Amino acid sequence: MIKLLILILLGFVGYSMIQGIIRPREKKSGWKKPRSRSHQGEEMVEDPQCGTFIPIGEAVSANIDGKQLYFCSKNCLKEYKKAHK
């Protein structure tokens, strides 16, 4: 009876290992991306300070000298304002 239980347990462990190799699970982290926003087909804009391209939905926007500019971060916006005083 014990041999049968050990054999079933080994079979289950082997099956689990094979499934883990074939179909690895996603890493679990505390932060998840919001599913409501899709970047597919979204317009990309270039940060005038560092040259990074970012989706317009994630960009920090500012109206400077009558122009709408987009930045990758608030830090780049501050640096741009410093450099163009």
PDB file of N, CA and C in Angstrom:
ATOM      1  N   MET A   1       0.816  -1.192   0.000  1.00  0.00           N
ATOM      2  CA  MET A   1       0.000   0.000   0.000  1.00  0.00           C
ATOM      3  C   MET A   1       0.867   1.266   0.000  1.00  0.00           C
ATOM      4  N   ILE A   2       1.933   1.261   0.816  1.00  0.00           N
ATOM      5  CA  ILE A   2       2.831   2.424   0.879  1.00  0.00           C
ATOM      6  C   ILE A   2       3.569   2.582  -0.451  1.00  0.00           C
ATOM      7  N   LYS A   3       3.943   1.469  -1.055  1.00  0.00           N
ATOM      8  CA  LYS A   3       4.625   1.541  -2.348  1.00  0.00           C
ATOM      9  C   LYS A   3       3.732   2.205  -3.395  1.00  0.00           C
ATOM     10  N   LEU A   4       2.449   1.903  -3.361  1.00  0.00           N
ATOM     11  CA  LEU A   4       1.502   2.485  -4.300  1.00  0.00           C
ATOM     12  C   LEU A   4       1.384   3.996  -4.082  1.00  0.00           C
ATOM     13  N   LEU A   5       1.305   4.424  -2.818  1.00  0.00           N
ATOM     14  CA  LEU A   5       1.224   5.855  -2.510  1.00  0.00           C
ATOM     15  C   LEU A   5       2.492   6.588  -2.963  1.00  0.00           C
ATOM     16  N   ILE A   6       3.643   5.991  -2.742  1.00  0.00           N
ATOM     17  CA  ILE A   6       4.916   6.599  -3.163  1.00  0.00           C
ATOM     18  C   ILE A   6       4.970   6.685  -4.682  1.00  0.00           C
ATOM     19  N   LEU A   7       4.508   5.648  -5.365  1.00  0.00           N
ATOM     20  CA  LEU A   7       4.483   5.642  -6.826  1.00  0.00           C
ATOM     21  C   LEU A   7       3.554   6.731  -7.356  1.00  0.00           C
ATOM     22  N   ILE A   8       2.386   6.902  -6.736  1.00  0.00           N
ATOM     23  CA  ILE A   8       1.460   7.959  -7.151  1.00  0.00           C
ATOM     24  C   ILE A   8       2.077   9.329  -6.897  1.00  0.00           C
ATOM     25  N   LEU A   9       2.712   9.515  -5.744  1.00  0.00           N
ATOM     26  CA  LEU A   9       3.360  10.780  -5.416  1.00  0.00           C
ATOM     27  C   LEU A   9       4.480  11.096  -6.400  1.00  0.00           C
ATOM     28  N   LEU A  10       5.310  10.124  -6.740  1.00  0.00           N
ATOM     29  CA  LEU A  10       6.379  10.337  -7.717  1.00  0.00           C
ATOM     30  C   LEU A  10       5.806  10.662  -9.100  1.00  0.00           C
ATOM     31  N   GLY A  11       4.721  10.017  -9.458  1.00  0.00           N
ATOM     32  CA  GLY A  11       4.072  10.315 -10.737  1.00  0.00           C
ATOM     33  C   GLY A  11       3.556  11.750 -10.773  1.00  0.00           C
ATOM     34  N   PHE A  12       2.966  12.201  -9.688  1.00  0.00           N
ATOM     35  CA  PHE A  12       2.459  13.569  -9.627  1.00  0.00           C
ATOM     36  C   PHE A  12       3.609  14.575  -9.694  1.00  0.00           C
ATOM     37  N   VAL A  13       4.684  14.334  -8.971  1.00  0.00           N
ATOM     38  CA  VAL A  13       5.843  15.240  -8.995  1.00  0.00           C
ATOM     39  C   VAL A  13       6.439  15.282 -10.400  1.00  0.00           C
ATOM     40  N   GLY A  14       6.579  14.133 -11.041  1.00  0.00           N
ATOM     41  CA  GLY A  14       7.106  14.090 -12.403  1.00  0.00           C
ATOM     42  C   GLY A  14       6.217  14.836 -13.379  1.00  0.00           C
ATOM     43  N   TYR A  15       4.915  14.648 -13.259  1.00  0.00           N
ATOM     44  CA  TYR A  15       3.956  15.346 -14.119  1.00  0.00           C
ATOM     45  C   TYR A  15       4.064  16.861 -13.913  1.00  0.00           C
ATOM     46  N   SER A  16       4.150  17.297 -12.668  1.00  0.00           N
ATOM     47  CA  SER A  16       4.270  18.729 -12.372  1.00  0.00           C
ATOM     48  C   SER A  16       5.548  19.321 -12.954  1.00  0.00           C
ATOM     49  N   MET A  17       6.640  18.585 -12.876  1.00  0.00           N
ATOM     50  CA  MET A  17       7.907  19.072 -13.428  1.00  0.00           C
ATOM     51  C   MET A  17       7.827  19.210 -14.939  1.00  0.00           C
ATOM     52  N   ILE A  18       7.228  18.248 -15.587  1.00  0.00           N
ATOM     53  CA  ILE A  18       7.098  18.300 -17.042  1.00  0.00           C
ATOM     54  C   ILE A  18       6.214  19.474 -17.451  1.00  0.00           C
ATOM     55  N   GLN A  19       5.119  19.689 -16.747  1.00  0.00           N
ATOM     56  CA  GLN A  19       4.233  20.818 -17.047  1.00  0.00           C
ATOM     57  C   GLN A  19       4.963  22.149 -16.825  1.00  0.00           C
ATOM     58  N   GLY A  20       5.811  22.224 -15.812  1.00  0.00           N
ATOM     59  CA  GLY A  20       6.586  23.438 -15.549  1.00  0.00           C
ATOM     60  C   GLY A  20       7.574  23.739 -16.662  1.00  0.00           C
ATOM     61  N   ILE A  21       8.120  22.708 -17.269  1.00  0.00           N
ATOM     62  CA  ILE A  21       9.062  22.905 -18.368  1.00  0.00           C
ATOM     63  C   ILE A  21       8.322  23.298 -19.639  1.00  0.00           C
ATOM     64  N   ILE A  22       7.228  22.627 -19.910  1.00  0.00           N
ATOM     65  CA  ILE A  22       6.466  22.892 -21.130  1.00  0.00           C
ATOM     66  C   ILE A  22       5.766  24.239 -21.078  1.00  0.00           C
ATOM     67  N   ARG A  23       5.152  24.563 -19.955  1.00  0.00           N
ATOM     68  CA  ARG A  23       4.336  25.759 -19.839  1.00  0.00           C
ATOM     69  C   ARG A  23       4.692  26.491 -18.544  1.00  0.00           C
ATOM     70  N   PRO A  24       5.809  27.271 -18.559  1.00  0.00           N
ATOM     71  CA  PRO A  24       6.208  27.975 -17.337  1.00  0.00           C
ATOM     72  C   PRO A  24       5.180  29.029 -16.949  1.00  0.00           C
ATOM     73  N   ARG A  25       5.007  29.222 -15.664  1.00  0.00           N
ATOM     74  CA  ARG A  25       4.050  30.202 -15.153  1.00  0.00           C
ATOM     75  C   ARG A  25       4.643  31.591 -15.220  1.00  0.00           C
ATOM     76  N   GLU A  26       3.765  32.586 -15.224  1.00  0.00           N
ATOM     77  CA  GLU A  26       4.208  33.975 -15.194  1.00  0.00           C
ATOM     78  C   GLU A  26       4.768  34.275 -13.819  1.00  0.00           C
ATOM     79  N   LYS A  27       5.771  35.162 -13.791  1.00  0.00           N
ATOM     80  CA  LYS A  27       6.320  35.570 -12.510  1.00  0.00           C
ATOM     81  C   LYS A  27       5.281  36.411 -11.791  1.00  0.00           C
ATOM     82  N   LYS A  28       5.135  36.176 -10.536  1.00  0.00           N
ATOM     83  CA  LYS A  28       4.178  36.937  -9.751  1.00  0.00           C
ATOM     84  C   LYS A  28       4.919  38.082  -9.074  1.00  0.00           C
ATOM     85  N   SER A  29       4.411  39.274  -9.252  1.00  0.00           N
ATOM     86  CA  SER A  29       4.981  40.436  -8.588  1.00  0.00           C
ATOM     87  C   SER A  29       3.847  41.257  -8.000  1.00  0.00           C
ATOM     88  N   GLY A  30       4.198  42.186  -7.151  1.00  0.00           N
ATOM     89  CA  GLY A  30       3.193  42.999  -6.507  1.00  0.00           C
ATOM     90  C   GLY A  30       2.537  43.991  -7.442  1.00  0.00           C
ATOM     91  N   TRP A  31       3.215  44.366  -8.522  1.00  0.00           N
ATOM     92  CA  TRP A  31       2.692  45.379  -9.432  1.00  0.00           C
ATOM     93  C   TRP A  31       2.278  44.729 -10.728  1.00  0.00           C
ATOM     94  N   LYS A  32       1.101  45.074 -11.185  1.00  0.00           N
ATOM     95  CA  LYS A  32       0.617  44.576 -12.473  1.00  0.00           C
ATOM     96  C   LYS A  32       0.306  45.749 -13.372  1.00  0.00           C
ATOM     97  N   LYS A  33       0.546  45.574 -14.644  1.00  0.00           N
ATOM     98  CA  LYS A  33       0.216  46.607 -15.620  1.00  0.00           C
ATOM     99  C   LYS A  33      -1.297  46.737 -15.721  1.00  0.00           C
ATOM    100  N   PRO A  34      -1.794  47.937 -15.879  1.00  0.00           N
ATOM    101  CA  PRO A  34      -3.233  48.078 -16.075  1.00  0.00           C
ATOM    102  C   PRO A  34      -3.640  47.505 -17.425  1.00  0.00           C
ATOM    103  N   ARG A  35      -4.725  46.750 -17.418  1.00  0.00           N
ATOM    104  CA  ARG A  35      -5.175  46.118 -18.662  1.00  0.00           C
ATOM    105  C   ARG A  35      -6.022  47.039 -19.511  1.00  0.00           C
ATOM    106  N   SER A  36      -6.470  48.140 -18.942  1.00  0.00           N
ATOM    107  CA  SER A  36      -7.374  49.010 -19.674  1.00  0.00           C
ATOM    108  C   SER A  36      -6.661  49.801 -20.776  1.00  0.00           C
ATOM    109  N   ARG A  37      -5.368  50.011 -20.651  1.00  0.00           N
ATOM    110  CA  ARG A  37      -4.654  50.806 -21.640  1.00  0.00           C
ATOM    111  C   ARG A  37      -3.905  49.878 -22.599  1.00  0.00           C
ATOM    112  N   SER A  38      -4.098  50.095 -23.870  1.00  0.00           N
ATOM    113  CA  SER A  38      -3.421  49.306 -24.886  1.00  0.00           C
ATOM    114  C   SER A  38      -2.471  50.192 -25.670  1.00  0.00           C
ATOM    115  N   HIS A  39      -1.246  49.717 -25.860  1.00  0.00           N
ATOM    116  CA  HIS A  39      -0.266  50.485 -26.620  1.00  0.00           C
ATOM    117  C   HIS A  39      -0.315  50.144 -28.102  1.00  0.00           C
ATOM    118  N   GLN A  40      -1.100  49.160 -28.436  1.00  0.00           N
ATOM    119  CA  GLN A  40      -1.174  48.751 -29.832  1.00  0.00           C
ATOM    120  C   GLN A  40      -1.841  49.848 -30.647  1.00  0.00           C
ATOM    121  N   GLY A  41      -1.107  50.396 -31.587  1.00  0.00           N
ATOM    122  CA  GLY A  41      -1.638  51.426 -32.448  1.00  0.00           C
ATOM    123  C   GLY A  41      -1.595  52.818 -31.847  1.00  0.00           C
ATOM    124  N   GLU A  42      -1.030  52.951 -30.647  1.00  0.00           N
ATOM    125  CA  GLU A  42      -0.975  54.261 -30.013  1.00  0.00           C
ATOM    126  C   GLU A  42       0.176  55.084 -30.599  1.00  0.00           C
ATOM    127  N   GLU A  43      -0.047  56.376 -30.746  1.00  0.00           N
ATOM    128  CA  GLU A  43       0.956  57.264 -31.319  1.00  0.00           C
ATOM    129  C   GLU A  43       2.172  57.352 -30.400  1.00  0.00           C
ATOM    130  N   MET A  44       3.356  57.332 -30.995  1.00  0.00           N
ATOM    131  CA  MET A  44       4.603  57.463 -30.247  1.00  0.00           C
ATOM    132  C   MET A  44       5.106  58.895 -30.401  1.00  0.00           C
ATOM    133  N   VAL A  45       5.634  59.459 -29.318  1.00  0.00           N
ATOM    134  CA  VAL A  45       6.174  60.812 -29.343  1.00  0.00           C
ATOM    135  C   VAL A  45       7.606  60.769 -28.831  1.00  0.00           C
ATOM    136  N   GLU A  46       8.406  61.736 -29.292  1.00  0.00           N
ATOM    137  CA  GLU A  46       9.817  61.788 -28.893  1.00  0.00           C
ATOM    138  C   GLU A  46      10.018  62.852 -27.822  1.00  0.00           C
ATOM    139  N   ASP A  47      10.714  62.472 -26.778  1.00  0.00           N
ATOM    140  CA  ASP A  47      11.072  63.398 -25.713  1.00  0.00           C
ATOM    141  C   ASP A  47      12.139  64.350 -26.261  1.00  0.00           C
ATOM    142  N   PRO A  48      11.898  65.675 -26.257  1.00  0.00           N
ATOM    143  CA  PRO A  48      12.874  66.609 -26.821  1.00  0.00           C
ATOM    144  C   PRO A  48      14.147  66.731 -25.982  1.00  0.00           C
ATOM    145  N   GLN A  49      14.107  66.287 -24.736  1.00  0.00           N
ATOM    146  CA  GLN A  49      15.281  66.396 -23.877  1.00  0.00           C
ATOM    147  C   GLN A  49      16.246  65.230 -24.077  1.00  0.00           C
ATOM    148  N   CYS A  50      15.727  64.013 -23.985  1.00  0.00           N
ATOM    149  CA  CYS A  50      16.624  62.848 -24.051  1.00  0.00           C
ATOM    150  C   CYS A  50      16.485  62.039 -25.342  1.00  0.00           C
ATOM    151  N   GLY A  51      15.442  62.299 -26.143  1.00  0.00           N
ATOM    152  CA  GLY A  51      15.279  61.600 -27.420  1.00  0.00           C
ATOM    153  C   GLY A  51      14.567  60.263 -27.330  1.00  0.00           C
ATOM    154  N   THR A  52      14.057  59.908 -26.163  1.00  0.00           N
ATOM    155  CA  THR A  52      13.358  58.642 -25.981  1.00  0.00           C
ATOM    156  C   THR A  52      11.967  58.711 -26.608  1.00  0.00           C
ATOM    157  N   PHE A  53      11.562  57.638 -27.278  1.00  0.00           N
ATOM    158  CA  PHE A  53      10.216  57.541 -27.831  1.00  0.00           C
ATOM    159  C   PHE A  53       9.330  56.815 -26.830  1.00  0.00           C
ATOM    160  N   ILE A  54       8.155  57.385 -26.579  1.00  0.00           N
ATOM    161  CA  ILE A  54       7.216  56.825 -25.620  1.00  0.00           C
ATOM    162  C   ILE A  54       5.794  56.923 -26.181  1.00  0.00           C
ATOM    163  N   PRO A  55       4.904  56.024 -25.730  1.00  0.00           N
ATOM    164  CA  PRO A  55       3.500  56.139 -26.140  1.00  0.00           C
ATOM    165  C   PRO A  55       2.911  57.430 -25.568  1.00  0.00           C
ATOM    166  N   ILE A  56       2.107  58.091 -26.353  1.00  0.00           N
ATOM    167  CA  ILE A  56       1.555  59.385 -25.939  1.00  0.00           C
ATOM    168  C   ILE A  56       0.722  59.256 -24.660  1.00  0.00           C
ATOM    169  N   GLY A  57       0.142  58.114 -24.417  1.00  0.00           N
ATOM    170  CA  GLY A  57      -0.653  57.894 -23.215  1.00  0.00           C
ATOM    171  C   GLY A  57       0.164  57.865 -21.936  1.00  0.00           C
ATOM    172  N   GLU A  58       1.462  57.582 -22.039  1.00  0.00           N
ATOM    173  CA  GLU A  58       2.325  57.528 -20.868  1.00  0.00           C
ATOM    174  C   GLU A  58       3.188  58.772 -20.723  1.00  0.00           C
ATOM    175  N   ALA A  59       3.162  59.640 -21.707  1.00  0.00           N
ATOM    176  CA  ALA A  59       4.034  60.810 -21.714  1.00  0.00           C
ATOM    177  C   ALA A  59       3.555  61.887 -20.744  1.00  0.00           C
ATOM    178  N   VAL A  60       4.515  62.659 -20.233  1.00  0.00           N
ATOM    179  CA  VAL A  60       4.213  63.836 -19.417  1.00  0.00           C
ATOM    180  C   VAL A  60       4.150  64.996 -20.394  1.00  0.00           C
ATOM    181  N   SER A  61       2.996  65.652 -20.482  1.00  0.00           N
ATOM    182  CA  SER A  61       2.849  66.721 -21.471  1.00  0.00           C
ATOM    183  C   SER A  61       2.975  68.082 -20.806  1.00  0.00           C
ATOM    184  N   ALA A  62       3.454  69.040 -21.591  1.00  0.00           N
ATOM    185  CA  ALA A  62       3.594  70.418 -21.108  1.00  0.00           C
ATOM    186  C   ALA A  62       3.454  71.362 -22.292  1.00  0.00           C
ATOM    187  N   ASN A  63       2.845  72.503 -22.041  1.00  0.00           N
ATOM    188  CA  ASN A  63       2.701  73.530 -23.059  1.00  0.00           C
ATOM    189  C   ASN A  63       3.787  74.577 -22.799  1.00  0.00           C
ATOM    190  N   ILE A  64       4.812  74.581 -23.644  1.00  0.00           N
ATOM    191  CA  ILE A  64       5.947  75.484 -23.464  1.00  0.00           C
ATOM    192  C   ILE A  64       6.062  76.360 -24.695  1.00  0.00           C
ATOM    193  N   ASP A  65       6.016  77.667 -24.486  1.00  0.00           N
ATOM    194  CA  ASP A  65       6.089  78.654 -25.574  1.00  0.00           C
ATOM    195  C   ASP A  65       5.044  78.399 -26.653  1.00  0.00           C
ATOM    196  N   GLY A  66       3.854  78.006 -26.245  1.00  0.00           N
ATOM    197  CA  GLY A  66       2.769  77.775 -27.193  1.00  0.00           C
ATOM    198  C   GLY A  66       2.835  76.445 -27.913  1.00  0.00           C
ATOM    199  N   LYS A  67       3.815  75.599 -27.595  1.00  0.00           N
ATOM    200  CA  LYS A  67       3.944  74.277 -28.226  1.00  0.00           C
ATOM    201  C   LYS A  67       3.615  73.208 -27.204  1.00  0.00           C
ATOM    202  N   GLN A  68       2.902  72.185 -27.644  1.00  0.00           N
ATOM    203  CA  GLN A  68       2.622  71.036 -26.777  1.00  0.00           C
ATOM    204  C   GLN A  68       3.784  70.064 -26.916  1.00  0.00           C
ATOM    205  N   LEU A  69       4.527  69.854 -25.835  1.00  0.00           N
ATOM    206  CA  LEU A  69       5.673  68.946 -25.842  1.00  0.00           C
ATOM    207  C   LEU A  69       5.397  67.774 -24.915  1.00  0.00           C
ATOM    208  N   TYR A  70       6.004  66.631 -25.225  1.00  0.00           N
ATOM    209  CA  TYR A  70       5.810  65.413 -24.452  1.00  0.00           C
ATOM    210  C   TYR A  70       7.156  64.916 -23.960  1.00  0.00           C
ATOM    211  N   PHE A  71       7.200  64.512 -22.686  1.00  0.00           N
ATOM    212  CA  PHE A  71       8.438  64.062 -22.054  1.00  0.00           C
ATOM    213  C   PHE A  71       8.240  62.669 -21.472  1.00  0.00           C
ATOM    214  N   CYS A  72       9.344  61.933 -21.342  1.00  0.00           N
ATOM    215  CA  CYS A  72       9.260  60.578 -20.797  1.00  0.00           C
ATOM    216  C   CYS A  72       9.093  60.590 -19.286  1.00  0.00           C
ATOM    217  N   SER A  73       9.508  61.678 -18.624  1.00  0.00           N
ATOM    218  CA  SER A  73       9.378  61.758 -17.169  1.00  0.00           C
ATOM    219  C   SER A  73       9.330  63.214 -16.724  1.00  0.00           C
ATOM    220  N   LYS A  74       8.944  63.407 -15.482  1.00  0.00           N
ATOM    221  CA  LYS A  74       8.930  64.761 -14.924  1.00  0.00           C
ATOM    222  C   LYS A  74      10.349  65.296 -14.808  1.00  0.00           C
ATOM    223  N   ASN A  75      11.292  64.407 -14.593  1.00  0.00           N
ATOM    224  CA  ASN A  75      12.694  64.799 -14.499  1.00  0.00           C
ATOM    225  C   ASN A  75      13.183  65.401 -15.820  1.00  0.00           C
ATOM    226  N   CYS A  76      12.844  64.782 -16.931  1.00  0.00           N
ATOM    227  CA  CYS A  76      13.232  65.325 -18.246  1.00  0.00           C
ATOM    228  C   CYS A  76      12.559  66.675 -18.489  1.00  0.00           C
ATOM    229  N   LEU A  77      11.322  66.819 -18.047  1.00  0.00           N
ATOM    230  CA  LEU A  77      10.616  68.092 -18.191  1.00  0.00           C
ATOM    231  C   LEU A  77      11.352  69.188 -17.426  1.00  0.00           C
ATOM    232  N   LYS A  78      11.765  68.891 -16.182  1.00  0.00           N
ATOM    233  CA  LYS A  78      12.510  69.880 -15.378  1.00  0.00           C
ATOM    234  C   LYS A  78      13.823  70.254 -16.048  1.00  0.00           C
ATOM    235  N   GLU A  79      14.553  69.255 -16.542  1.00  0.00           N
ATOM    236  CA  GLU A  79      15.827  69.507 -17.215  1.00  0.00           C
ATOM    237  C   GLU A  79      15.639  70.357 -18.463  1.00  0.00           C
ATOM    238  N   TYR A  80      14.569  70.087 -19.220  1.00  0.00           N
ATOM    239  CA  TYR A  80      14.291  70.856 -20.430  1.00  0.00           C
ATOM    240  C   TYR A  80      14.003  72.316 -20.077  1.00  0.00           C
ATOM    241  N   LYS A  81      13.210  72.518 -19.038  1.00  0.00           N
ATOM    242  CA  LYS A  81      12.892  73.883 -18.616  1.00  0.00           C
ATOM    243  C   LYS A  81      14.145  74.629 -18.150  1.00  0.00           C
ATOM    244  N   LYS A  82      15.028  73.942 -17.448  1.00  0.00           N
ATOM    245  CA  LYS A  82      16.302  74.555 -17.013  1.00  0.00           C
ATOM    246  C   LYS A  82      17.144  74.972 -18.204  1.00  0.00           C
ATOM    247  N   ALA A  83      17.258  74.082 -19.186  1.00  0.00           N
ATOM    248  CA  ALA A  83      18.119  74.315 -20.344  1.00  0.00           C
ATOM    249  C   ALA A  83      17.568  75.384 -21.283  1.00  0.00           C
ATOM    250  N   HIS A  84      16.257  75.604 -21.272  1.00  0.00           N
ATOM    251  CA  HIS A  84      15.647  76.543 -22.228  1.00  0.00           C
ATOM    252  C   HIS A  84      15.056  77.776 -21.560  1.00  0.00           C
ATOM    253  N   LYS A  85      15.700  78.266 -20.529  1.00  0.00           N
ATOM    254  CA  LYS A  85      15.235  79.499 -19.867  1.00  0.00           C
ATOM    255  C   LYS A  85      15.670  80.722 -20.624  1.00  0.00           C
TER     256      LYS A  85
END
